[in-house]
Amino acid sequence: MFVPSSRSKSEDDGYALAYVNNPDRNASDLVILAAQDFTAKPLARIHLPRPVPLGFHGSWVAD
């Protein structure tokens, strides 16, 4: 998922969020990357308590 930066200056100025399976912990991580540099180390890695199913996706629903 792409999240634009609050100071967005260009189309790719923001963050890419992705779930990463971590079989060593039998759980998943939410990884936050700088959208302008996918080769850099993640800006943040949030350890989730359970695995997120492979192929998981969400939907946005209006209020």
Protein backbone atom coordinates (compact mmCIF):
# COMPACT_ATOMS: atom_id res chain seq x y z
CA MET A 1 0.00 0.00 0.00
CA PHE A 2 1.29 3.48 -0.84
CA VAL A 3 0.90 6.26 1.72
CA PRO A 4 1.77 9.75 0.44
CA SER A 5 3.98 11.94 2.57
CA SER A 6 2.33 14.91 4.25
CA ARG A 7 4.98 17.07 2.59
CA SER A 8 4.50 15.40 -0.81
CA LYS A 9 6.58 17.07 -3.50
CA SER A 10 6.41 14.38 -6.17
CA GLU A 11 4.26 11.45 -7.19
CA ASP A 12 6.49 8.91 -5.41
CA ASP A 13 7.11 10.95 -2.25
CA GLY A 14 5.76 8.70 0.46
CA TYR A 15 5.92 5.25 1.96
CA ALA A 16 5.26 1.70 0.83
CA LEU A 17 3.73 -0.58 3.46
CA ALA A 18 3.91 -4.34 3.05
CA TYR A 19 3.31 -7.46 5.11
CA VAL A 20 6.29 -9.81 5.28
CA ASN A 21 5.95 -13.41 6.43
CA ASN A 22 8.39 -14.33 9.20
CA PRO A 23 8.36 -18.14 9.50
CA ASP A 24 10.96 -18.09 12.30
CA ARG A 25 8.40 -16.39 14.58
CA ASN A 26 5.32 -17.94 12.93
CA ALA A 27 4.10 -14.37 12.55
CA SER A 28 4.26 -11.43 10.16
CA ASP A 29 5.89 -8.03 10.12
CA LEU A 30 4.53 -4.80 8.69
CA VAL A 31 7.46 -3.22 6.87
CA ILE A 32 7.57 0.48 6.00
CA LEU A 33 9.83 1.50 3.11
CA ALA A 34 10.67 4.85 1.57
CA ALA A 35 8.85 4.70 -1.77
CA GLN A 36 11.70 6.52 -3.51
CA ASP A 37 14.30 3.92 -2.47
CA PHE A 38 13.19 0.29 -2.22
CA THR A 39 16.82 -0.86 -1.92
CA ALA A 40 17.36 0.96 1.40
CA LYS A 41 16.76 -0.68 4.75
CA PRO A 42 13.17 -0.41 6.03
CA LEU A 43 12.31 2.77 7.89
CA ALA A 44 10.36 0.65 10.37
CA ARG A 45 9.45 -2.98 11.02
CA ILE A 46 6.42 -3.67 13.19
CA HIS A 47 6.26 -7.19 14.60
CA LEU A 48 2.69 -8.52 14.49
CA PRO A 49 1.64 -11.22 16.97
CA ARG A 50 0.22 -13.57 14.31
CA PRO A 51 0.86 -14.43 10.68
CA VAL A 52 -1.07 -12.45 8.08
CA PRO A 53 -2.46 -14.92 5.51
CA LEU A 54 -0.58 -14.92 2.21
CA GLY A 55 -2.65 -13.10 -0.39
CA PHE A 56 -4.39 -11.00 2.28
CA HIS A 57 -5.86 -7.77 1.01
CA GLY A 58 -8.25 -5.18 2.32
CA SER A 59 -11.01 -2.96 1.12
CA TRP A 60 -11.84 0.64 1.85
CA VAL A 61 -15.47 1.22 2.82
CA ALA A 62 -17.02 4.68 2.93
CA ASP A 63 -18.47 5.80 6.25
